[in-house]
Amino acid sequence: MSTAFDLEVNSREGLGKGHSRRLRRQGKVPAVLYGGGESPAAIFLEHDKLIQQMENEAFQTSIITLNMGTETQSVVVKDIQRHPSKRRVLHLDFQRILADEKITLIVPIHYSGQEVAIGVKEQGGEVAILISDVEISCLPKDLPEFLELDISSLELNQRMSLSDIKPPEGVDILALTQEQNPSIVTINPPRQEEEDEIPELAEGIVETEDGEPIADSTKAEPESPPSEGTSEDSN
């Protein structure tokens, strides 16, 4: 069962980009609440309190209780719009949930046993995660915070697929119900550090500090033998 979260929210009458900008300047986050057989409702909540709860990874995969005055509503997060460069939430979409109605959510995959995997510990490979989350369907009471896969038995160049995950009872992995079973993790061979080959310089050639080849002035060129018919001593 997922972790419980509570948020205080208020209804808002103003709509449009201008109203949303004013709310953000006041430290609020505009949001919308929909689903559950009811009409959509425009709401807002405190940005800083929201950020505190979002620090928990389970926030996006848990049942959240919205408190609006004396009323409460159980919801899940369906979409979060974030600022592209700042630690700021711009907008939220909440979906109402019903106890007897299945919901679909994207949950993270936790890969356990990475450091002790055979392909890592004994064969020196590196874990490569190909898929980090997956969409599931279940009743609210069965909603998991994450799915887990133990890869400790994985060897070098081997792969594990989505079907290797054993979800909790009552939880369906949607891709598998659609006959899709992609690889999700593998162990690659260790990276080979390629050293640049240094060409061997010809005899009598050295390099300057800039790497330019020049003749070695410390090695004198051999003297040419005297020509035939000439004498080294002049008369």
Foldseek 3Di string as FASTA:
>chain_A
DADEAEFEKEFDDDDDPVVLVVQVVVQKAWEWEDEPPDHITIMIGGWVVVLVVVVDLLQQQAWYWYDYPPDIFTWHWDDWDADPPDRTTHYTYIYTADQPDKDKGKAFEAEPQQCQACQCPPVPWHKDFADGIFMKIFGNVQGDNHWYAYRNPAHEFDFDKPVRTDGPPRMGGVCVVVVHIDTGMHTYHDDDDDDDDDDDDDPQWDADPVRDIDGNPVDDDDDDDDDPPDDPDDD
